[in-house]
Amino acid sequence: MQDSDRSAAIPLFALGFRPFFLGAAAFAALGAALWAAAYLDWLGDFAPRGGWLAWHLREMPFGFACAVIAGFVLTAVQNWTGSPGLRGAPLMGLFGLWVAARIAWLWPAIPVAWAMAAELLFLPAVAVRVAWQLRRVHQRRNYPLVGLLVLLAMADAMASIAQLQQDFVLLRQAAWAALWLIGAVIVLIGGRIIPAFTANGLGLAAPVSEAPWLPRSAIVSLLLLAILAAQGIALAPDPRWVPLFGVITAVHGWRAARWFHPGILRVPLLWSLHLGHLWLVVALGGLTAWHAGLLANGGAALHAFTIGGVGGLILAMMARVSLGHTARPLSPPGLMTIAFLFVALSAGVRVALIGPAPRFAVAVSAGFWCAGFLLFIGCYAPMLFRPRLDGRAG
């Protein structure tokens, strides 16, 4: 058996969701634990390149969220095109590139050139692979996702340069821009899967229909926020931005209301998705209040999005996709209901208590977050390390 055949036979590298979902969940738990420990002054003199705050600001979007996006698109492109997804040695190499970047940014003794090389190759490699598969079958419907991957790669380059120059202002702009781009990816994918999964899970006749302008407006609105953030605009409270944020909140709130069905409350795989999307609406509403001078801490609103929205939706999506692509029934282990609740509690504690009790809020929020993702690892690692139940590749 050739080396390529051997690597393709390893279940963990049979399709993109397997290593990247597992790796991202492990990094989510490790990253939050390290950040909380650093915030509480438990780590002594050790610090990553650029310091703990800079590391936390860049690694959660670019290290954690982008890994999940990579795993999702590298898996979904197989369904979209009908051609095999990346697997075996090439997938192993791509995953190794992501791991190398995470280690290099965390451990300052590693040459900075290695960190930059691994970091700046990863997202473009994912974009090129997905674009190549889409172009082979002229599948233009999903080209916007390639565009978002390219924009994320540009934001990543901006953040990497800022971190090397110890320019925290530029790093903050890049990180906020990346978060809104990640939001755009989530809204684009969520607009397809949340109504569809809801209809399928509840046995409805059809998913909720939307006029074309509504999903387009939702995506474009977050792209606009990403552009503003990259230029350092609207990153401080200013009443002039209240109308813009108010309209964006209304657009996303209207979608969330239209998607809701009372039946989701009895199905963890559904209410977790809807709850994650609702956190995005809460965050946008919070930022509207922040710009209006009604909310003192804009970071609370931002963490409603990053922890509840990005983290909650990612956990719910990974739980659903992993079951479907390992040919298992769409019924997660019972512990995953607790995991979904833990991540929601993580967001709630971080948002509600960061003002009056910041050290307590960070510690408890990180604890809930880590517990949620560790439960995912405990429940899903056995599935991800084993072949599909139906014997098919993937």
Protein backbone atom coordinates (compact mmCIF):
# COMPACT_ATOMS: atom_id res chain seq x y z
CA MET A 1 0.00 0.00 0.00
CA GLN A 2 1.38 3.44 -0.97
CA ASP A 3 1.75 6.18 1.63
CA SER A 4 -1.10 8.18 0.09
CA ASP A 5 -3.36 5.13 0.29
CA ARG A 6 -2.42 4.55 3.93
CA SER A 7 -3.18 8.15 4.91
CA ALA A 8 -6.50 8.07 3.07
CA ALA A 9 -7.44 4.97 5.04
CA ILE A 10 -7.06 6.77 8.38
CA PRO A 11 -10.63 7.74 9.37
CA LEU A 12 -9.56 11.00 11.05
CA PHE A 13 -8.28 12.26 7.69
CA ALA A 14 -11.10 10.91 5.54
CA LEU A 15 -12.77 14.34 5.19
CA GLY A 16 -12.15 17.90 6.37
CA PHE A 17 -14.68 18.10 9.20
CA ARG A 18 -12.98 15.31 11.16
CA PRO A 19 -9.57 16.80 12.06
CA PHE A 20 -10.65 20.44 12.00
CA PHE A 21 -13.74 20.06 14.20
CA LEU A 22 -11.80 18.00 16.71
CA GLY A 23 -8.76 20.27 16.58
CA ALA A 24 -10.84 23.44 16.84
CA ALA A 25 -12.77 22.11 19.85
CA ALA A 26 -9.52 21.21 21.62
CA PHE A 27 -8.04 24.60 20.81
CA ALA A 28 -11.21 26.36 21.99
CA ALA A 29 -10.89 24.73 25.40
CA LEU A 30 -7.12 25.24 25.62
CA GLY A 31 -7.28 28.83 24.39
CA ALA A 32 -9.99 29.89 26.83
CA ALA A 33 -8.23 28.16 29.73
CA LEU A 34 -4.91 29.86 28.94
CA TRP A 35 -6.53 33.26 28.54
CA ALA A 36 -8.42 32.96 31.84
CA ALA A 37 -5.26 31.78 33.62
CA ALA A 38 -3.31 34.71 32.19
CA TYR A 39 -6.08 37.17 33.09
CA LEU A 40 -5.96 35.87 36.67
CA ASP A 41 -2.13 36.12 36.77
CA TRP A 42 -1.64 32.39 37.18
CA LEU A 43 0.99 31.90 34.44
CA GLY A 44 3.91 33.86 35.85
CA ASP A 45 6.31 35.40 33.34
CA PHE A 46 5.44 33.18 30.39
CA ALA A 47 3.64 34.99 27.58
CA PRO A 48 3.14 34.29 23.89
CA ARG A 49 4.47 36.51 21.14
CA GLY A 50 2.87 39.94 21.52
CA GLY A 51 1.42 39.25 24.98
CA TRP A 52 -1.66 37.43 26.19
CA LEU A 53 -4.26 40.02 25.18
CA ALA A 54 -2.97 40.22 21.61
CA TRP A 55 -2.76 36.42 21.44
CA HIS A 56 -6.34 36.02 22.68
CA LEU A 57 -7.64 38.71 20.32
CA ARG A 58 -6.17 37.10 17.22
CA GLU A 59 -6.26 33.39 18.03
CA MET A 60 -9.94 32.98 18.83
CA PRO A 61 -11.12 34.25 15.42
CA PHE A 62 -8.18 33.09 13.28
CA GLY A 63 -7.17 29.98 15.21
CA PHE A 64 -10.50 28.64 16.44
CA ALA A 65 -13.31 29.93 14.22
CA CYS A 66 -11.38 29.76 10.94
CA ALA A 67 -10.48 26.12 11.61
CA VAL A 68 -14.17 25.25 11.91
CA ILE A 69 -14.97 27.19 8.74
CA ALA A 70 -12.21 25.32 6.94
CA GLY A 71 -13.53 21.97 8.14
CA PHE A 72 -17.06 22.86 7.10
CA VAL A 73 -16.31 24.13 3.58
CA LEU A 74 -13.83 21.35 2.83
CA THR A 75 -16.62 18.90 3.71
CA ALA A 76 -19.55 20.73 2.14
CA VAL A 77 -17.78 21.25 -1.19
CA GLN A 78 -17.95 17.48 -1.70
CA ASN A 79 -21.75 17.62 -1.55
CA TRP A 80 -21.94 20.80 -3.61
CA THR A 81 -19.81 19.44 -6.46
CA GLY A 82 -20.24 15.67 -6.30
CA SER A 83 -16.44 15.28 -6.34
CA PRO A 84 -14.32 13.86 -3.48
CA GLY A 85 -13.24 16.33 -0.84
CA LEU A 86 -9.70 16.81 0.39
CA ARG A 87 -8.56 13.72 2.27
CA GLY A 88 -5.53 11.62 3.19
CA ALA A 89 -2.04 13.12 3.04
CA PRO A 90 -3.08 16.53 1.59
CA LEU A 91 -5.65 16.99 4.36
CA MET A 92 -3.08 15.84 6.92
CA GLY A 93 -0.64 18.44 5.58
CA LEU A 94 -3.22 21.24 5.69
CA PHE A 95 -4.20 20.35 9.24
CA GLY A 96 -0.53 20.21 10.19
CA LEU A 97 -0.12 23.73 8.82
CA TRP A 98 -2.92 24.95 11.10
CA VAL A 99 -1.42 23.18 14.12
CA ALA A 100 2.04 24.59 13.35
CA ALA A 101 0.67 28.13 13.26
CA ARG A 102 -1.08 27.70 16.61
CA ILE A 103 2.12 26.41 18.25
CA ALA A 104 4.29 29.09 16.66
CA TRP A 105 2.13 31.99 17.84
CA LEU A 106 1.91 30.56 21.35
CA TRP A 107 5.61 29.73 21.81
CA PRO A 108 7.80 32.83 21.25
CA ALA A 109 11.02 30.82 20.95
CA ILE A 110 9.89 29.55 17.55
CA PRO A 111 11.22 31.77 14.72
CA VAL A 112 8.67 34.37 13.72
CA ALA A 113 9.14 33.53 10.04
CA TRP A 114 7.75 30.05 10.72
CA ALA A 115 4.69 31.49 12.42
CA MET A 116 4.05 33.89 9.54
CA ALA A 117 4.58 31.23 6.87
CA ALA A 118 2.22 28.71 8.45
CA GLU A 119 -0.40 31.35 9.26
CA LEU A 120 -0.45 33.07 5.90
CA LEU A 121 -0.52 29.85 3.88
CA PHE A 122 -3.46 28.21 5.65
CA LEU A 123 -6.55 30.20 4.61
CA PRO A 124 -5.36 30.81 1.02
CA ALA A 125 -4.76 27.05 0.67
CA VAL A 126 -8.32 26.35 1.84
CA ALA A 127 -9.70 29.00 -0.55
CA VAL A 128 -7.74 27.64 -3.52
CA ARG A 129 -8.87 24.06 -2.88
CA VAL A 130 -12.54 25.02 -2.56
CA ALA A 131 -12.38 27.34 -5.59
CA TRP A 132 -10.75 24.59 -7.67
CA GLN A 133 -13.51 22.10 -6.87
CA LEU A 134 -16.27 24.63 -7.50
CA ARG A 135 -14.75 25.78 -10.80
CA ARG A 136 -14.44 22.23 -12.14
CA VAL A 137 -18.24 21.90 -12.15
CA HIS A 138 -19.01 25.60 -12.75
CA GLN A 139 -20.76 25.80 -9.37
CA ARG A 140 -21.05 29.58 -9.02
CA ARG A 141 -23.62 29.62 -6.21
CA ASN A 142 -20.92 29.09 -3.60
CA TYR A 143 -18.30 31.45 -5.00
CA PRO A 144 -19.21 34.04 -2.30
CA LEU A 145 -17.79 31.66 0.32
CA VAL A 146 -14.47 31.66 -1.53
CA GLY A 147 -14.58 35.44 -1.52
CA LEU A 148 -15.16 35.46 2.23
CA LEU A 149 -12.22 33.09 2.73
CA VAL A 150 -10.02 35.48 0.74
CA LEU A 151 -11.18 38.44 2.83
CA LEU A 152 -10.48 36.45 6.01
CA ALA A 153 -6.99 35.69 4.70
CA MET A 154 -6.44 39.43 4.14
CA ALA A 155 -7.62 40.21 7.68
CA ASP A 156 -5.34 37.46 9.00
CA ALA A 157 -2.35 39.00 7.22
CA MET A 158 -3.28 42.39 8.67
CA ALA A 159 -3.52 40.92 12.18
CA SER A 160 -0.23 39.04 11.84
CA ILE A 161 1.65 42.15 10.76
CA ALA A 162 0.04 44.16 13.55
CA GLN A 163 1.02 41.57 16.13
CA LEU A 164 4.64 41.52 14.95
CA GLN A 165 4.78 45.31 15.07
CA GLN A 166 3.05 45.30 18.46
CA ASP A 167 0.46 47.66 17.01
CA PHE A 168 -2.53 46.84 19.17
CA VAL A 169 -4.78 49.41 17.49
CA LEU A 170 -4.25 47.81 14.07
CA LEU A 171 -4.63 44.32 15.58
CA ARG A 172 -7.97 45.32 17.09
CA GLN A 173 -9.18 46.60 13.74
CA ALA A 174 -8.15 43.37 12.02
CA ALA A 175 -9.74 41.18 14.71
CA TRP A 176 -13.05 43.06 14.67
CA ALA A 177 -13.07 42.94 10.86
CA ALA A 178 -12.44 39.18 11.00
CA LEU A 179 -15.25 38.68 13.51
CA TRP A 180 -17.77 40.37 11.23
CA LEU A 181 -16.47 38.36 8.26
CA ILE A 182 -16.91 35.19 10.33
CA GLY A 183 -20.39 36.48 11.12
CA ALA A 184 -21.04 36.85 7.39
CA VAL A 185 -19.96 33.23 6.81
CA ILE A 186 -22.23 32.09 9.64
CA VAL A 187 -25.17 34.11 8.32
CA LEU A 188 -24.63 32.83 4.77
CA ILE A 189 -24.44 29.18 5.85
CA GLY A 190 -26.98 29.57 8.65
CA GLY A 191 -29.52 31.06 6.29
CA ARG A 192 -29.38 27.83 4.31
CA ILE A 193 -29.17 25.24 7.04
CA ILE A 194 -31.17 26.60 9.99
CA PRO A 195 -34.55 26.83 8.17
CA ALA A 196 -33.83 23.56 6.32
CA PHE A 197 -32.78 21.65 9.43
CA THR A 198 -35.79 23.06 11.27
CA ALA A 199 -38.19 21.88 8.59
CA ASN A 200 -36.57 18.45 8.39
CA GLY A 201 -36.30 18.02 12.15
CA LEU A 202 -39.92 18.97 12.81
CA GLY A 203 -41.41 17.30 9.73
CA LEU A 204 -42.66 20.59 8.27
CA ALA A 205 -43.83 20.80 4.67
CA ALA A 206 -41.06 23.19 3.64
CA PRO A 207 -38.47 25.54 5.12
CA VAL A 208 -39.44 29.13 5.80
CA SER A 209 -39.13 31.07 2.55
CA GLU A 210 -37.39 34.44 2.37
CA ALA A 211 -37.45 37.20 -0.20
CA PRO A 212 -33.98 37.33 -1.85
CA TRP A 213 -33.26 40.81 -0.47
CA LEU A 214 -33.41 39.65 3.16
CA PRO A 215 -30.46 37.18 3.25
CA ARG A 216 -28.48 39.43 0.93
CA SER A 217 -29.06 42.39 3.23
CA ALA A 218 -28.04 40.33 6.25
CA ILE A 219 -24.74 39.30 4.65
CA VAL A 220 -23.95 42.70 3.15
CA SER A 221 -24.64 44.41 6.49
CA LEU A 222 -21.94 42.36 8.22
CA LEU A 223 -19.54 42.89 5.32
CA LEU A 224 -20.10 46.62 5.77
CA LEU A 225 -19.27 46.34 9.48
CA ALA A 226 -16.11 44.40 8.56
CA ILE A 227 -15.00 47.14 6.16
CA LEU A 228 -15.64 49.83 8.75
CA ALA A 229 -13.79 47.89 11.44
CA ALA A 230 -10.76 47.31 9.19
CA GLN A 231 -10.50 51.09 8.84
CA GLY A 232 -10.93 51.70 12.56
CA ILE A 233 -14.42 53.16 12.13
CA ALA A 234 -17.29 52.59 14.60
CA LEU A 235 -14.97 50.95 17.14
CA ALA A 236 -15.74 53.61 19.75
CA PRO A 237 -19.20 54.74 20.88
CA ASP A 238 -20.60 57.41 18.59
CA PRO A 239 -24.32 58.34 18.27
CA ARG A 240 -23.91 58.79 14.51
CA TRP A 241 -23.74 55.00 14.12
CA VAL A 242 -26.97 54.27 15.99
CA PRO A 243 -29.21 54.27 12.85
CA LEU A 244 -26.88 51.87 11.00
CA PHE A 245 -26.59 49.41 13.87
CA GLY A 246 -30.30 49.73 14.59
CA VAL A 247 -31.24 48.79 11.03
CA ILE A 248 -28.78 45.89 10.98
CA THR A 249 -30.19 44.62 14.27
CA ALA A 250 -33.71 44.78 12.83
CA VAL A 251 -32.72 42.83 9.70
CA HIS A 252 -31.15 39.99 11.67
CA GLY A 253 -33.87 40.07 14.31
CA TRP A 254 -36.56 39.75 11.65
CA ARG A 255 -34.83 36.68 10.20
CA ALA A 256 -34.54 35.08 13.64
CA ALA A 257 -38.24 35.69 14.32
CA ARG A 258 -39.26 34.22 10.96
CA TRP A 259 -37.18 31.07 11.49
CA PHE A 260 -38.58 30.36 14.94
CA HIS A 261 -41.04 27.50 15.50
CA PRO A 262 -42.17 26.40 18.98
CA GLY A 263 -41.28 22.82 18.12
CA ILE A 264 -37.55 23.58 18.18
CA LEU A 265 -37.66 23.83 21.98
CA ARG A 266 -37.86 20.06 22.31
CA VAL A 267 -35.00 19.33 19.86
CA PRO A 268 -31.49 20.23 21.16
CA LEU A 269 -29.92 20.18 17.70
CA LEU A 270 -32.44 22.83 16.63
CA TRP A 271 -32.78 25.16 19.62
CA SER A 272 -28.99 25.31 19.91
CA LEU A 273 -28.74 26.61 16.33
CA HIS A 274 -31.52 29.14 16.82
CA LEU A 275 -30.08 30.28 20.15
CA GLY A 276 -26.66 30.84 18.59
CA HIS A 277 -28.20 33.03 15.89
CA LEU A 278 -30.23 34.90 18.52
CA TRP A 279 -27.00 35.82 20.33
CA LEU A 280 -25.90 37.62 17.14
CA VAL A 281 -29.09 39.69 17.31
CA VAL A 282 -28.47 40.42 21.00
CA ALA A 283 -24.92 41.52 20.22
CA LEU A 284 -26.02 43.86 17.44
CA GLY A 285 -28.68 45.32 19.71
CA GLY A 286 -26.06 45.76 22.43
CA LEU A 287 -23.72 47.59 20.07
CA THR A 288 -26.61 49.85 19.04
CA ALA A 289 -27.16 50.67 22.72
CA TRP A 290 -23.41 51.19 23.19
CA HIS A 291 -23.25 53.74 20.38
CA ALA A 292 -26.34 55.42 21.83
CA GLY A 293 -24.62 55.77 25.20
CA LEU A 294 -27.03 53.37 26.89
CA LEU A 295 -24.46 50.62 27.47
CA ALA A 296 -21.16 51.36 29.16
CA ASN A 297 -19.20 48.30 27.99
CA GLY A 298 -19.05 47.56 24.27
CA GLY A 299 -16.96 44.50 25.04
CA ALA A 300 -20.00 42.89 26.67
CA ALA A 301 -21.94 43.18 23.42
CA LEU A 302 -18.99 41.90 21.40
CA HIS A 303 -18.64 38.84 23.65
CA ALA A 304 -22.35 38.12 23.26
CA PHE A 305 -21.47 37.64 19.60
CA THR A 306 -18.15 35.84 19.97
CA ILE A 307 -19.11 33.46 22.78
CA GLY A 308 -22.85 33.02 22.33
CA GLY A 309 -23.14 33.61 18.58
CA VAL A 310 -19.92 32.27 17.07
CA GLY A 311 -19.20 29.71 19.80
CA GLY A 312 -22.80 28.57 20.22
CA LEU A 313 -23.49 28.22 16.50
CA ILE A 314 -20.18 26.48 15.89
CA LEU A 315 -20.81 23.92 18.61
CA ALA A 316 -24.35 23.23 17.38
CA MET A 317 -23.25 23.01 13.76
CA MET A 318 -20.32 20.70 14.53
CA ALA A 319 -22.65 18.42 16.52
CA ARG A 320 -25.14 18.20 13.62
CA VAL A 321 -22.64 17.92 10.76
CA SER A 322 -20.55 15.28 12.52
CA LEU A 323 -23.58 13.03 12.98
CA GLY A 324 -24.73 13.40 9.39
CA HIS A 325 -21.31 12.85 7.83
CA THR A 326 -20.54 9.78 9.93
CA ALA A 327 -23.90 8.25 8.89
CA ARG A 328 -25.33 8.35 12.39
CA PRO A 329 -28.91 9.20 13.40
CA LEU A 330 -29.44 12.92 13.95
CA SER A 331 -29.77 12.50 17.69
CA PRO A 332 -26.74 13.73 19.65
CA PRO A 333 -25.53 12.16 22.88
CA GLY A 334 -27.49 13.44 25.86
CA LEU A 335 -24.44 15.23 27.27
CA MET A 336 -24.47 17.57 24.27
CA THR A 337 -27.60 19.27 25.61
CA ILE A 338 -25.53 20.19 28.65
CA ALA A 339 -22.69 21.33 26.38
CA PHE A 340 -25.03 23.67 24.47
CA LEU A 341 -26.29 25.09 27.77
CA PHE A 342 -22.74 25.55 29.09
CA VAL A 343 -21.71 27.70 26.12
CA ALA A 344 -24.89 29.77 26.46
CA LEU A 345 -24.11 30.21 30.18
CA SER A 346 -20.56 31.19 29.28
CA ALA A 347 -21.91 34.02 27.16
CA GLY A 348 -24.48 35.06 29.76
CA VAL A 349 -21.96 35.24 32.60
CA ARG A 350 -19.39 37.10 30.49
CA VAL A 351 -21.96 39.66 29.33
CA ALA A 352 -23.79 40.20 32.62
CA LEU A 353 -20.97 40.18 35.15
CA ILE A 354 -17.92 41.63 33.39
CA GLY A 355 -18.65 45.10 34.78
CA PRO A 356 -19.25 44.40 38.48
CA ALA A 357 -16.99 41.33 38.81
CA PRO A 358 -14.53 41.04 35.91
CA ARG A 359 -12.21 38.39 37.36
CA PHE A 360 -15.13 36.22 38.42
CA ALA A 361 -16.85 36.71 35.07
CA VAL A 362 -13.80 35.71 33.03
CA ALA A 363 -13.04 32.69 35.22
CA VAL A 364 -16.58 31.31 35.32
CA SER A 365 -17.29 32.10 31.68
CA ALA A 366 -14.09 30.33 30.61
CA GLY A 367 -15.02 27.38 32.81
CA PHE A 368 -18.41 26.94 31.16
CA TRP A 369 -16.91 27.41 27.69
CA CYS A 370 -14.16 24.84 28.28
CA ALA A 371 -16.64 22.36 29.73
CA GLY A 372 -18.92 22.71 26.71
CA PHE A 373 -16.18 22.02 24.18
CA LEU A 374 -14.60 19.25 26.26
CA LEU A 375 -18.00 17.54 26.33
CA PHE A 376 -18.06 17.77 22.53
CA ILE A 377 -14.64 16.12 22.38
CA GLY A 378 -15.71 13.38 24.77
CA CYS A 379 -18.89 12.65 22.85
CA TYR A 380 -17.62 13.03 19.28
CA ALA A 381 -13.96 12.00 19.26
CA PRO A 382 -14.90 8.29 19.08
CA MET A 383 -17.07 9.04 16.03
CA LEU A 384 -14.43 11.16 14.31
CA PHE A 385 -11.71 8.55 14.79
CA ARG A 386 -13.86 5.77 13.30
CA PRO A 387 -15.11 5.15 9.76
CA ARG A 388 -18.65 6.01 8.66
CA LEU A 389 -21.24 3.53 9.85
CA ASP A 390 -22.45 2.91 6.29
CA GLY A 391 -18.98 2.00 5.00
CA ARG A 392 -18.81 4.89 2.54
CA ALA A 393 -15.75 7.12 2.20
CA GLY A 394 -15.72 10.35 4.18
